[in-house]
Amino acid sequence: TKLMTTFVAAENMSNSVVVSLTKDDLSTEGDSGLRVGERWRMGDLLDVMLVISSNDAAHAIAGLVGGAGQQNVLGSHEHFIEMMNEKARTLGLATLKFYNESGLDLEQGGVSIMAGGYGSAKDVALLVAELWKKYPTTLEITTRKDVRIVSQDGIAHILPNTNEALGQYPGMIGSKTGYTSLAGGNLAIIFDIGIGHPVVAVILGSTR
């Protein structure tokens, strides 16, 4: 899901745009170490989201991009999710369907009732390939084990990559992990098996 969030953000918003985090942004599940009022460049916030799978960063990105120049009755986050699903249709990825920007399970009374996104491994692989072809720099950060990213307020964040198997893939170009109780363990990686010969591998619905 966050790969599509990255795609839509990269296509619709400059990396240099600055967003100030709100209490609502930081109310999503998980703590990424971000702070209310902290200012971030869009490009840096995308890096935070991809490296540690930050739901807070995803929420902030969706609110900013979904609300930009908006003239319809949808809220900014709802509009962003509509943009995600429209991009899936445009790319011909018929199995992909998104219900939020983070991939978190949708809950009712503390019980997971539906996944935040659905799709086949093939369509996720095609999404990764398209993202890399159009916006290759977005995935560069995911090849590093530990990342130091500084917000516009000068606050340094040391972030461990969620992909614990990074060193096992020679020629790594990019990777993204995901886990929820309904979706199971998921991994998408892109790596070079030869000079200029990238391959995408996707595993969905595995164990943690």
N, C-alpha and C. Protein backbone atom coordinates (compact mmCIF):
# COMPACT_ATOMS: atom_id res chain seq x y z
N THR A 1 0.83 -1.20 0.00
CA THR A 1 0.00 0.00 0.00
C THR A 1 0.86 1.25 0.00
N LYS A 2 1.91 1.26 0.79
CA LYS A 2 2.77 2.46 0.87
C LYS A 2 3.56 2.68 -0.42
N LEU A 3 3.74 1.64 -1.23
CA LEU A 3 4.36 1.83 -2.54
C LEU A 3 3.45 2.66 -3.44
N MET A 4 2.15 2.39 -3.38
CA MET A 4 1.21 3.20 -4.16
C MET A 4 1.10 4.61 -3.58
N THR A 5 1.14 4.74 -2.27
CA THR A 5 1.15 6.06 -1.63
C THR A 5 2.35 6.87 -2.14
N THR A 6 3.50 6.20 -2.25
CA THR A 6 4.71 6.85 -2.77
C THR A 6 4.51 7.29 -4.22
N PHE A 7 3.93 6.42 -5.03
CA PHE A 7 3.72 6.70 -6.46
C PHE A 7 2.84 7.94 -6.63
N VAL A 8 1.72 7.95 -5.92
CA VAL A 8 0.77 9.07 -6.07
C VAL A 8 1.38 10.38 -5.55
N ALA A 9 2.11 10.30 -4.44
CA ALA A 9 2.75 11.50 -3.90
C ALA A 9 3.81 12.03 -4.86
N ALA A 10 4.64 11.14 -5.39
CA ALA A 10 5.70 11.56 -6.31
C ALA A 10 5.13 12.19 -7.58
N GLU A 11 3.99 11.70 -8.00
CA GLU A 11 3.38 12.19 -9.23
C GLU A 11 2.66 13.52 -9.06
N ASN A 12 2.26 13.83 -7.83
CA ASN A 12 1.40 15.00 -7.62
C ASN A 12 1.98 16.09 -6.73
N MET A 13 3.17 15.86 -6.13
CA MET A 13 3.70 16.84 -5.20
C MET A 13 5.23 16.89 -5.28
N SER A 14 5.78 18.08 -5.26
CA SER A 14 7.23 18.24 -5.29
C SER A 14 7.85 17.75 -3.98
N ASN A 15 9.03 17.14 -4.08
CA ASN A 15 9.74 16.66 -2.89
C ASN A 15 10.14 17.80 -1.96
N SER A 16 10.19 19.02 -2.47
CA SER A 16 10.65 20.16 -1.67
C SER A 16 9.53 20.82 -0.86
N VAL A 17 8.28 20.44 -1.10
CA VAL A 17 7.16 21.00 -0.34
C VAL A 17 7.30 20.59 1.13
N VAL A 18 7.05 21.53 2.04
CA VAL A 18 7.21 21.26 3.47
C VAL A 18 5.83 21.08 4.13
N VAL A 19 5.71 20.03 4.93
CA VAL A 19 4.48 19.74 5.66
C VAL A 19 4.77 19.78 7.16
N SER A 20 3.85 20.36 7.92
CA SER A 20 3.96 20.41 9.37
C SER A 20 3.05 19.34 9.97
N LEU A 21 3.59 18.45 10.77
CA LEU A 21 2.83 17.33 11.30
C LEU A 21 1.81 17.77 12.34
N THR A 22 0.62 17.19 12.27
CA THR A 22 -0.46 17.51 13.20
C THR A 22 -0.66 16.37 14.20
N LYS A 23 -1.44 16.64 15.21
CA LYS A 23 -1.77 15.62 16.21
C LYS A 23 -2.52 14.47 15.54
N ASP A 24 -3.36 14.80 14.57
CA ASP A 24 -4.12 13.78 13.84
C ASP A 24 -3.17 12.86 13.06
N ASP A 25 -2.13 13.44 12.44
CA ASP A 25 -1.16 12.63 11.70
C ASP A 25 -0.51 11.58 12.60
N LEU A 26 -0.25 11.96 13.85
CA LEU A 26 0.47 11.08 14.77
C LEU A 26 -0.45 10.18 15.59
N SER A 27 -1.74 10.20 15.26
CA SER A 27 -2.70 9.39 16.02
C SER A 27 -2.85 7.98 15.45
N THR A 28 -2.21 7.71 14.31
CA THR A 28 -2.33 6.40 13.70
C THR A 28 -1.49 5.38 14.45
N GLU A 29 -1.72 4.10 14.19
CA GLU A 29 -1.05 3.01 14.90
C GLU A 29 0.46 3.05 14.69
N GLY A 30 1.21 2.84 15.77
CA GLY A 30 2.67 2.81 15.69
C GLY A 30 3.28 4.16 16.01
N ASP A 31 4.49 4.14 16.55
CA ASP A 31 5.21 5.36 16.90
C ASP A 31 6.51 5.41 16.10
N SER A 32 6.61 6.39 15.21
CA SER A 32 7.80 6.52 14.37
C SER A 32 8.81 7.51 14.93
N GLY A 33 8.51 8.09 16.10
CA GLY A 33 9.41 9.07 16.69
C GLY A 33 9.22 10.47 16.14
N LEU A 34 8.16 10.68 15.35
CA LEU A 34 7.86 12.01 14.81
C LEU A 34 7.13 12.84 15.86
N ARG A 35 7.15 14.17 15.69
CA ARG A 35 6.60 15.06 16.72
C ARG A 35 5.55 16.00 16.13
N VAL A 36 4.57 16.33 16.95
CA VAL A 36 3.55 17.29 16.54
C VAL A 36 4.21 18.64 16.25
N GLY A 37 3.89 19.22 15.10
CA GLY A 37 4.45 20.51 14.71
C GLY A 37 5.77 20.41 13.98
N GLU A 38 6.39 19.23 13.98
CA GLU A 38 7.67 19.06 13.30
C GLU A 38 7.47 19.23 11.79
N ARG A 39 8.38 19.97 11.17
CA ARG A 39 8.25 20.26 9.74
C ARG A 39 9.17 19.34 8.93
N TRP A 40 8.60 18.81 7.84
CA TRP A 40 9.32 17.87 7.00
C TRP A 40 9.18 18.21 5.53
N ARG A 41 10.28 18.03 4.79
CA ARG A 41 10.20 18.06 3.33
C ARG A 41 9.46 16.79 2.89
N MET A 42 8.64 16.91 1.85
CA MET A 42 7.89 15.76 1.36
C MET A 42 8.82 14.60 1.01
N GLY A 43 9.94 14.88 0.34
CA GLY A 43 10.87 13.82 -0.03
C GLY A 43 11.43 13.08 1.17
N ASP A 44 11.74 13.81 2.24
CA ASP A 44 12.27 13.19 3.45
C ASP A 44 11.21 12.38 4.17
N LEU A 45 9.97 12.88 4.15
CA LEU A 45 8.87 12.16 4.80
C LEU A 45 8.56 10.86 4.06
N LEU A 46 8.69 10.88 2.74
CA LEU A 46 8.54 9.64 1.96
C LEU A 46 9.62 8.64 2.35
N ASP A 47 10.85 9.13 2.57
CA ASP A 47 11.94 8.25 3.00
C ASP A 47 11.61 7.61 4.35
N VAL A 48 11.12 8.41 5.30
CA VAL A 48 10.74 7.89 6.62
C VAL A 48 9.68 6.81 6.47
N MET A 49 8.67 7.09 5.64
CA MET A 49 7.57 6.14 5.45
C MET A 49 8.07 4.81 4.88
N LEU A 50 8.97 4.87 3.91
CA LEU A 50 9.42 3.65 3.25
C LEU A 50 10.40 2.85 4.10
N VAL A 51 11.30 3.53 4.80
CA VAL A 51 12.34 2.82 5.56
C VAL A 51 11.76 2.11 6.78
N ILE A 52 10.94 2.80 7.57
CA ILE A 52 10.41 2.17 8.79
C ILE A 52 8.92 1.90 8.70
N SER A 53 8.36 2.03 7.49
CA SER A 53 6.94 1.78 7.25
C SER A 53 6.07 2.62 8.19
N SER A 54 6.39 3.91 8.28
CA SER A 54 5.71 4.81 9.21
C SER A 54 4.28 5.11 8.77
N ASN A 55 3.33 4.73 9.60
CA ASN A 55 1.92 5.05 9.33
C ASN A 55 1.65 6.53 9.55
N ASP A 56 2.37 7.14 10.50
CA ASP A 56 2.22 8.58 10.75
C ASP A 56 2.62 9.37 9.50
N ALA A 57 3.75 9.01 8.92
CA ALA A 57 4.21 9.70 7.72
C ALA A 57 3.23 9.51 6.57
N ALA A 58 2.71 8.29 6.42
CA ALA A 58 1.74 8.01 5.35
C ALA A 58 0.51 8.88 5.50
N HIS A 59 0.04 9.04 6.74
CA HIS A 59 -1.16 9.84 7.00
C HIS A 59 -0.92 11.30 6.66
N ALA A 60 0.25 11.81 7.03
CA ALA A 60 0.58 13.21 6.74
C ALA A 60 0.70 13.45 5.24
N ILE A 61 1.34 12.52 4.54
CA ILE A 61 1.51 12.64 3.09
C ILE A 61 0.15 12.63 2.39
N ALA A 62 -0.71 11.70 2.80
CA ALA A 62 -2.03 11.60 2.17
C ALA A 62 -2.85 12.86 2.40
N GLY A 63 -2.77 13.43 3.60
CA GLY A 63 -3.52 14.64 3.89
C GLY A 63 -3.06 15.82 3.06
N LEU A 64 -1.75 15.94 2.89
CA LEU A 64 -1.20 17.06 2.13
C LEU A 64 -1.51 16.93 0.64
N VAL A 65 -1.19 15.76 0.08
CA VAL A 65 -1.38 15.56 -1.36
C VAL A 65 -2.87 15.51 -1.72
N GLY A 66 -3.65 14.84 -0.89
CA GLY A 66 -5.08 14.71 -1.17
C GLY A 66 -5.84 16.02 -1.05
N GLY A 67 -5.30 16.94 -0.26
CA GLY A 67 -5.98 18.22 -0.06
C GLY A 67 -5.51 19.32 -0.97
N ALA A 68 -4.47 19.07 -1.76
CA ALA A 68 -3.90 20.11 -2.62
C ALA A 68 -4.82 20.44 -3.79
N GLY A 69 -5.26 21.70 -3.85
CA GLY A 69 -6.08 22.16 -4.97
C GLY A 69 -7.41 21.45 -5.10
N GLN A 70 -7.86 20.90 -4.01
CA GLN A 70 -9.07 20.08 -4.07
C GLN A 70 -10.34 20.93 -4.10
N GLN A 71 -11.24 20.59 -5.02
CA GLN A 71 -12.49 21.34 -5.16
C GLN A 71 -13.73 20.45 -4.95
N ASN A 72 -13.55 19.17 -4.56
CA ASN A 72 -14.72 18.32 -4.40
C ASN A 72 -15.10 18.17 -2.93
N VAL A 73 -16.13 17.37 -2.69
CA VAL A 73 -16.69 17.27 -1.33
C VAL A 73 -15.95 16.25 -0.46
N LEU A 74 -15.05 15.47 -1.03
CA LEU A 74 -14.33 14.48 -0.25
C LEU A 74 -13.33 15.14 0.69
N GLY A 75 -13.07 14.50 1.83
CA GLY A 75 -11.99 14.95 2.69
C GLY A 75 -10.66 14.67 2.01
N SER A 76 -9.59 15.28 2.50
CA SER A 76 -8.29 15.15 1.83
C SER A 76 -7.80 13.70 1.80
N HIS A 77 -7.98 12.96 2.90
CA HIS A 77 -7.51 11.58 2.92
C HIS A 77 -8.37 10.69 2.01
N GLU A 78 -9.66 10.91 2.01
CA GLU A 78 -10.55 10.15 1.14
C GLU A 78 -10.21 10.42 -0.33
N HIS A 79 -9.90 11.69 -0.62
CA HIS A 79 -9.52 12.04 -1.99
C HIS A 79 -8.22 11.35 -2.38
N PHE A 80 -7.27 11.29 -1.45
CA PHE A 80 -5.99 10.64 -1.74
C PHE A 80 -6.21 9.15 -2.05
N ILE A 81 -7.04 8.49 -1.27
CA ILE A 81 -7.32 7.07 -1.49
C ILE A 81 -7.99 6.87 -2.86
N GLU A 82 -8.85 7.80 -3.23
CA GLU A 82 -9.45 7.77 -4.57
C GLU A 82 -8.37 7.90 -5.65
N MET A 83 -7.39 8.77 -5.40
CA MET A 83 -6.27 8.94 -6.34
C MET A 83 -5.45 7.65 -6.46
N MET A 84 -5.26 6.95 -5.33
CA MET A 84 -4.53 5.69 -5.35
C MET A 84 -5.23 4.66 -6.22
N ASN A 85 -6.53 4.54 -6.05
CA ASN A 85 -7.30 3.55 -6.81
C ASN A 85 -7.40 3.93 -8.28
N GLU A 86 -7.45 5.23 -8.56
CA GLU A 86 -7.47 5.68 -9.95
C GLU A 86 -6.13 5.37 -10.62
N LYS A 87 -5.03 5.53 -9.89
CA LYS A 87 -3.71 5.22 -10.45
C LYS A 87 -3.60 3.73 -10.74
N ALA A 88 -4.14 2.89 -9.85
CA ALA A 88 -4.13 1.44 -10.11
C ALA A 88 -4.88 1.12 -11.40
N ARG A 89 -6.03 1.78 -11.61
CA ARG A 89 -6.80 1.57 -12.84
C ARG A 89 -6.02 2.04 -14.06
N THR A 90 -5.39 3.21 -13.94
CA THR A 90 -4.62 3.77 -15.05
C THR A 90 -3.47 2.85 -15.45
N LEU A 91 -2.86 2.21 -14.46
CA LEU A 91 -1.73 1.31 -14.72
C LEU A 91 -2.19 -0.08 -15.17
N GLY A 92 -3.50 -0.32 -15.16
CA GLY A 92 -4.03 -1.61 -15.56
C GLY A 92 -3.85 -2.70 -14.53
N LEU A 93 -3.71 -2.29 -13.25
CA LEU A 93 -3.50 -3.25 -12.16
C LEU A 93 -4.86 -3.56 -11.52
N ALA A 94 -5.61 -4.43 -12.18
CA ALA A 94 -7.02 -4.62 -11.87
C ALA A 94 -7.28 -5.22 -10.50
N THR A 95 -6.32 -5.97 -9.94
CA THR A 95 -6.58 -6.60 -8.64
C THR A 95 -6.32 -5.67 -7.46
N LEU A 96 -5.63 -4.54 -7.71
CA LEU A 96 -5.27 -3.66 -6.60
C LEU A 96 -6.46 -2.81 -6.17
N LYS A 97 -6.72 -2.81 -4.87
CA LYS A 97 -7.79 -1.99 -4.29
C LYS A 97 -7.31 -1.50 -2.94
N PHE A 98 -7.39 -0.18 -2.73
CA PHE A 98 -6.88 0.42 -1.49
C PHE A 98 -7.99 1.09 -0.71
N TYR A 99 -7.95 0.91 0.62
CA TYR A 99 -8.95 1.49 1.51
C TYR A 99 -8.35 2.53 2.45
N ASN A 100 -7.03 2.59 2.51
CA ASN A 100 -6.35 3.65 3.25
C ASN A 100 -4.95 3.82 2.66
N GLU A 101 -4.21 4.79 3.19
CA GLU A 101 -2.90 5.12 2.63
C GLU A 101 -1.75 4.34 3.26
N SER A 102 -2.04 3.59 4.34
CA SER A 102 -0.98 2.94 5.10
C SER A 102 -0.94 1.42 4.94
N GLY A 103 -2.08 0.82 4.61
CA GLY A 103 -2.15 -0.63 4.56
C GLY A 103 -2.59 -1.27 5.86
N LEU A 104 -2.79 -0.46 6.90
CA LEU A 104 -3.27 -1.00 8.17
C LEU A 104 -4.64 -1.66 7.99
N ASP A 105 -4.86 -2.74 8.76
CA ASP A 105 -6.18 -3.36 8.75
C ASP A 105 -7.23 -2.36 9.23
N LEU A 106 -8.44 -2.45 8.66
CA LEU A 106 -9.55 -1.65 9.15
C LEU A 106 -10.16 -2.39 10.33
N GLU A 107 -10.37 -1.68 11.43
CA GLU A 107 -10.83 -2.31 12.67
C GLU A 107 -12.20 -1.83 13.09
N GLN A 108 -12.88 -2.71 13.82
CA GLN A 108 -14.18 -2.37 14.41
C GLN A 108 -14.20 -2.97 15.81
N GLY A 109 -14.28 -2.11 16.81
CA GLY A 109 -14.25 -2.59 18.18
C GLY A 109 -12.95 -3.29 18.54
N GLY A 110 -11.84 -2.81 17.93
CA GLY A 110 -10.54 -3.38 18.22
C GLY A 110 -10.24 -4.68 17.49
N VAL A 111 -11.15 -5.08 16.59
CA VAL A 111 -10.97 -6.33 15.83
C VAL A 111 -10.77 -6.00 14.36
N SER A 112 -9.75 -6.59 13.74
CA SER A 112 -9.49 -6.37 12.31
C SER A 112 -10.60 -7.03 11.49
N ILE A 113 -11.27 -6.23 10.66
CA ILE A 113 -12.38 -6.77 9.87
C ILE A 113 -12.07 -6.79 8.37
N MET A 114 -11.11 -5.99 7.94
CA MET A 114 -10.78 -5.94 6.52
C MET A 114 -9.39 -5.36 6.35
N ALA A 115 -8.64 -5.89 5.39
CA ALA A 115 -7.30 -5.36 5.14
C ALA A 115 -7.38 -3.96 4.53
N GLY A 116 -6.32 -3.18 4.70
CA GLY A 116 -6.29 -1.82 4.16
C GLY A 116 -6.04 -1.78 2.66
N GLY A 117 -5.62 -2.92 2.10
CA GLY A 117 -5.38 -2.99 0.67
C GLY A 117 -5.37 -4.43 0.21
N TYR A 118 -5.77 -4.65 -1.04
CA TYR A 118 -5.81 -6.00 -1.60
C TYR A 118 -5.15 -5.99 -2.98
N GLY A 119 -4.66 -7.15 -3.41
CA GLY A 119 -4.10 -7.26 -4.75
C GLY A 119 -3.30 -8.54 -4.90
N SER A 120 -2.99 -8.88 -6.14
CA SER A 120 -2.19 -10.07 -6.42
C SER A 120 -0.70 -9.73 -6.34
N ALA A 121 0.11 -10.76 -6.12
CA ALA A 121 1.56 -10.57 -6.10
C ALA A 121 2.05 -10.02 -7.44
N LYS A 122 1.43 -10.50 -8.53
CA LYS A 122 1.84 -10.04 -9.87
C LYS A 122 1.61 -8.54 -10.03
N ASP A 123 0.44 -8.06 -9.60
CA ASP A 123 0.15 -6.64 -9.76
C ASP A 123 1.02 -5.78 -8.85
N VAL A 124 1.33 -6.28 -7.65
CA VAL A 124 2.26 -5.55 -6.78
C VAL A 124 3.64 -5.47 -7.44
N ALA A 125 4.07 -6.56 -8.07
CA ALA A 125 5.36 -6.57 -8.77
C ALA A 125 5.36 -5.57 -9.92
N LEU A 126 4.26 -5.50 -10.66
CA LEU A 126 4.16 -4.53 -11.76
C LEU A 126 4.17 -3.10 -11.23
N LEU A 127 3.55 -2.89 -10.06
CA LEU A 127 3.56 -1.57 -9.42
C LEU A 127 4.99 -1.17 -9.05
N VAL A 128 5.73 -2.10 -8.44
CA VAL A 128 7.12 -1.83 -8.07
C VAL A 128 7.94 -1.48 -9.31
N ALA A 129 7.75 -2.25 -10.37
CA ALA A 129 8.51 -2.01 -11.61
C ALA A 129 8.20 -0.63 -12.18
N GLU A 130 6.93 -0.25 -12.16
CA GLU A 130 6.53 1.05 -12.71
C GLU A 130 7.04 2.19 -11.84
N LEU A 131 6.98 2.01 -10.53
CA LEU A 131 7.49 3.03 -9.61
C LEU A 131 8.98 3.24 -9.84
N TRP A 132 9.73 2.15 -9.98
CA TRP A 132 11.17 2.25 -10.19
C TRP A 132 11.50 2.92 -11.52
N LYS A 133 10.74 2.60 -12.56
CA LYS A 133 11.00 3.17 -13.88
C LYS A 133 10.73 4.67 -13.90
N LYS A 134 9.65 5.10 -13.25
CA LYS A 134 9.26 6.51 -13.31
C LYS A 134 9.93 7.36 -12.24
N TYR A 135 10.09 6.81 -11.04
CA TYR A 135 10.64 7.57 -9.92
C TYR A 135 11.70 6.73 -9.19
N PRO A 136 12.80 6.41 -9.87
CA PRO A 136 13.79 5.48 -9.29
C PRO A 136 14.41 5.96 -7.99
N THR A 137 14.55 7.27 -7.82
CA THR A 137 15.20 7.77 -6.61
C THR A 137 14.37 7.53 -5.35
N THR A 138 13.05 7.31 -5.50
CA THR A 138 12.21 7.10 -4.32
C THR A 138 12.58 5.82 -3.58
N LEU A 139 13.13 4.84 -4.29
CA LEU A 139 13.43 3.55 -3.66
C LEU A 139 14.86 3.43 -3.14
N GLU A 140 15.72 4.40 -3.51
CA GLU A 140 17.13 4.30 -3.13
C GLU A 140 17.32 4.16 -1.62
N ILE A 141 16.54 4.90 -0.84
CA ILE A 141 16.69 4.92 0.62
C ILE A 141 16.45 3.54 1.23
N THR A 142 15.64 2.70 0.54
CA THR A 142 15.26 1.40 1.11
C THR A 142 16.36 0.36 0.99
N THR A 143 17.47 0.70 0.36
CA THR A 143 18.59 -0.24 0.24
C THR A 143 19.56 -0.13 1.40
N ARG A 144 19.32 0.85 2.28
CA ARG A 144 20.24 1.09 3.40
C ARG A 144 19.68 0.53 4.70
N LYS A 145 20.57 -0.06 5.50
CA LYS A 145 20.15 -0.75 6.73
C LYS A 145 19.69 0.23 7.80
N ASP A 146 20.49 1.24 8.05
CA ASP A 146 20.12 2.26 9.04
C ASP A 146 20.25 3.63 8.38
N VAL A 147 19.28 4.48 8.60
CA VAL A 147 19.22 5.75 7.89
C VAL A 147 19.11 6.90 8.89
N ARG A 148 19.85 7.98 8.63
CA ARG A 148 19.74 9.19 9.45
C ARG A 148 19.06 10.26 8.60
N ILE A 149 17.88 10.69 9.04
CA ILE A 149 17.11 11.69 8.30
C ILE A 149 16.83 12.86 9.24
N VAL A 150 17.06 14.07 8.77
CA VAL A 150 16.90 15.27 9.59
C VAL A 150 15.70 16.07 9.10
N SER A 151 14.80 16.42 10.02
CA SER A 151 13.64 17.22 9.66
C SER A 151 14.06 18.68 9.45
N GLN A 152 13.13 19.50 8.98
CA GLN A 152 13.41 20.90 8.73
C GLN A 152 13.65 21.68 10.02
N ASP A 153 13.31 21.07 11.16
CA ASP A 153 13.55 21.69 12.46
C ASP A 153 14.90 21.28 13.04
N GLY A 154 15.68 20.54 12.23
CA GLY A 154 17.02 20.14 12.67
C GLY A 154 17.03 18.95 13.60
N ILE A 155 15.91 18.24 13.71
CA ILE A 155 15.84 17.06 14.57
C ILE A 155 16.29 15.84 13.76
N ALA A 156 17.33 15.15 14.23
CA ALA A 156 17.86 13.98 13.54
C ALA A 156 17.13 12.72 14.01
N HIS A 157 16.73 11.90 13.07
CA HIS A 157 16.06 10.63 13.37
C HIS A 157 16.91 9.49 12.80
N ILE A 158 17.30 8.54 13.66
CA ILE A 158 18.05 7.36 13.24
C ILE A 158 17.03 6.23 13.07
N LEU A 159 16.88 5.75 11.84
CA LEU A 159 15.80 4.84 11.53
C LEU A 159 16.33 3.50 11.03
N PRO A 160 15.95 2.38 11.68
CA PRO A 160 16.36 1.06 11.20
C PRO A 160 15.41 0.57 10.10
N ASN A 161 15.95 0.02 9.03
CA ASN A 161 15.13 -0.49 7.94
C ASN A 161 14.31 -1.68 8.43
N THR A 162 13.03 -1.73 8.05
CA THR A 162 12.18 -2.84 8.48
C THR A 162 12.54 -4.15 7.78
N ASN A 163 13.29 -4.06 6.67
CA ASN A 163 13.72 -5.27 5.96
C ASN A 163 15.00 -5.80 6.60
N GLU A 164 14.86 -6.79 7.46
CA GLU A 164 15.99 -7.32 8.21
C GLU A 164 16.91 -8.20 7.36
N ALA A 165 16.48 -8.54 6.15
CA ALA A 165 17.25 -9.44 5.29
C ALA A 165 18.00 -8.69 4.18
N LEU A 166 18.23 -7.38 4.40
CA LEU A 166 18.83 -6.55 3.36
C LEU A 166 20.12 -7.13 2.78
N GLY A 167 21.03 -7.60 3.64
CA GLY A 167 22.33 -8.07 3.18
C GLY A 167 22.28 -9.35 2.36
N GLN A 168 21.12 -10.00 2.29
CA GLN A 168 21.01 -11.28 1.59
C GLN A 168 20.75 -11.12 0.09
N TYR A 169 20.52 -9.87 -0.37
CA TYR A 169 20.17 -9.67 -1.77
C TYR A 169 21.24 -8.83 -2.47
N PRO A 170 22.19 -9.45 -3.16
CA PRO A 170 23.17 -8.67 -3.92
C PRO A 170 22.47 -7.86 -5.01
N GLY A 171 22.98 -6.66 -5.27
CA GLY A 171 22.40 -5.85 -6.34
C GLY A 171 21.07 -5.23 -5.98
N MET A 172 20.80 -5.09 -4.67
CA MET A 172 19.52 -4.54 -4.23
C MET A 172 19.28 -3.13 -4.78
N ILE A 173 18.09 -2.90 -5.33
CA ILE A 173 17.68 -1.60 -5.83
C ILE A 173 16.62 -0.97 -4.93
N GLY A 174 15.77 -1.80 -4.36
CA GLY A 174 14.73 -1.28 -3.48
C GLY A 174 13.98 -2.42 -2.81
N SER A 175 13.34 -2.12 -1.67
CA SER A 175 12.55 -3.15 -0.99
C SER A 175 11.48 -2.50 -0.12
N LYS A 176 10.44 -3.26 0.15
CA LYS A 176 9.38 -2.80 1.06
C LYS A 176 8.77 -4.01 1.75
N THR A 177 8.70 -3.93 3.08
CA THR A 177 8.05 -4.97 3.87
C THR A 177 6.66 -4.51 4.28
N GLY A 178 5.86 -5.45 4.74
CA GLY A 178 4.55 -5.10 5.29
C GLY A 178 4.03 -6.24 6.13
N TYR A 179 3.37 -5.92 7.23
CA TYR A 179 2.76 -6.98 8.04
C TYR A 179 1.53 -6.43 8.76
N THR A 180 0.42 -7.13 8.62
CA THR A 180 -0.75 -6.92 9.48
C THR A 180 -1.33 -8.29 9.78
N SER A 181 -2.21 -8.38 10.77
CA SER A 181 -2.74 -9.69 11.14
C SER A 181 -3.54 -10.31 10.01
N LEU A 182 -4.25 -9.51 9.22
CA LEU A 182 -5.03 -10.05 8.11
C LEU A 182 -4.19 -10.27 6.86
N ALA A 183 -3.27 -9.34 6.57
CA ALA A 183 -2.47 -9.45 5.34
C ALA A 183 -1.33 -10.46 5.48
N GLY A 184 -0.90 -10.72 6.73
CA GLY A 184 0.25 -11.59 6.93
C GLY A 184 1.55 -10.87 6.60
N GLY A 185 2.62 -11.65 6.41
CA GLY A 185 3.92 -11.07 6.09
C GLY A 185 4.07 -10.87 4.60
N ASN A 186 4.55 -9.69 4.21
CA ASN A 186 4.67 -9.35 2.80
C ASN A 186 6.01 -8.70 2.51
N LEU A 187 6.57 -9.01 1.34
CA LEU A 187 7.85 -8.43 0.95
C LEU A 187 7.88 -8.23 -0.56
N ALA A 188 8.27 -7.03 -0.97
CA ALA A 188 8.51 -6.73 -2.38
C ALA A 188 9.93 -6.22 -2.50
N ILE A 189 10.72 -6.84 -3.39
CA ILE A 189 12.10 -6.39 -3.59
C ILE A 189 12.38 -6.26 -5.09
N ILE A 190 13.29 -5.37 -5.41
CA ILE A 190 13.78 -5.25 -6.79
C ILE A 190 15.30 -5.24 -6.72
N PHE A 191 15.93 -6.09 -7.55
CA PHE A 191 17.38 -6.22 -7.51
C PHE A 191 17.90 -6.53 -8.91
N ASP A 192 19.16 -6.20 -9.12
CA ASP A 192 19.82 -6.46 -10.40
C ASP A 192 20.45 -7.85 -10.37
N ILE A 193 20.08 -8.72 -11.33
CA ILE A 193 20.75 -10.03 -11.42
C ILE A 193 21.90 -9.96 -12.42
N GLY A 194 22.04 -8.81 -13.07
CA GLY A 194 23.13 -8.54 -13.99
C GLY A 194 23.10 -7.06 -14.28
N ILE A 195 24.09 -6.54 -14.97
CA ILE A 195 24.12 -5.11 -15.24
C ILE A 195 22.90 -4.73 -16.08
N GLY A 196 22.08 -3.83 -15.52
CA GLY A 196 20.89 -3.38 -16.24
C GLY A 196 19.84 -4.46 -16.42
N HIS A 197 19.80 -5.44 -15.53
CA HIS A 197 18.80 -6.51 -15.62
C HIS A 197 18.05 -6.63 -14.30
N PRO A 198 17.15 -5.68 -14.02
CA PRO A 198 16.41 -5.70 -12.75
C PRO A 198 15.31 -6.76 -12.74
N VAL A 199 15.12 -7.36 -11.58
CA VAL A 199 14.07 -8.36 -11.37
C VAL A 199 13.29 -7.98 -10.11
N VAL A 200 11.98 -8.13 -10.17
CA VAL A 200 11.13 -7.86 -9.01
C VAL A 200 10.63 -9.19 -8.47
N ALA A 201 10.69 -9.35 -7.13
CA ALA A 201 10.13 -10.54 -6.48
C ALA A 201 9.17 -10.07 -5.39
N VAL A 202 8.01 -10.69 -5.32
CA VAL A 202 6.99 -10.32 -4.34
C VAL A 202 6.45 -11.55 -3.65
N ILE A 203 6.38 -11.50 -2.32
CA ILE A 203 5.77 -12.54 -1.52
C ILE A 203 4.65 -11.90 -0.70
N LEU A 204 3.45 -12.44 -0.81
CA LEU A 204 2.31 -11.92 -0.05
C LEU A 204 1.73 -13.02 0.84
N GLY A 205 1.19 -12.62 1.98
CA GLY A 205 0.46 -13.54 2.84
C GLY A 205 1.31 -14.61 3.48
N SER A 206 2.57 -14.30 3.77
CA SER A 206 3.45 -15.27 4.43
C SER A 206 3.38 -15.07 5.95
N THR A 207 4.33 -15.69 6.67
CA THR A 207 4.41 -15.46 8.11
C THR A 207 5.13 -14.15 8.37
N ARG A 208 5.18 -13.72 9.61
CA ARG A 208 5.92 -12.51 9.95
C ARG A 208 7.38 -12.65 9.53
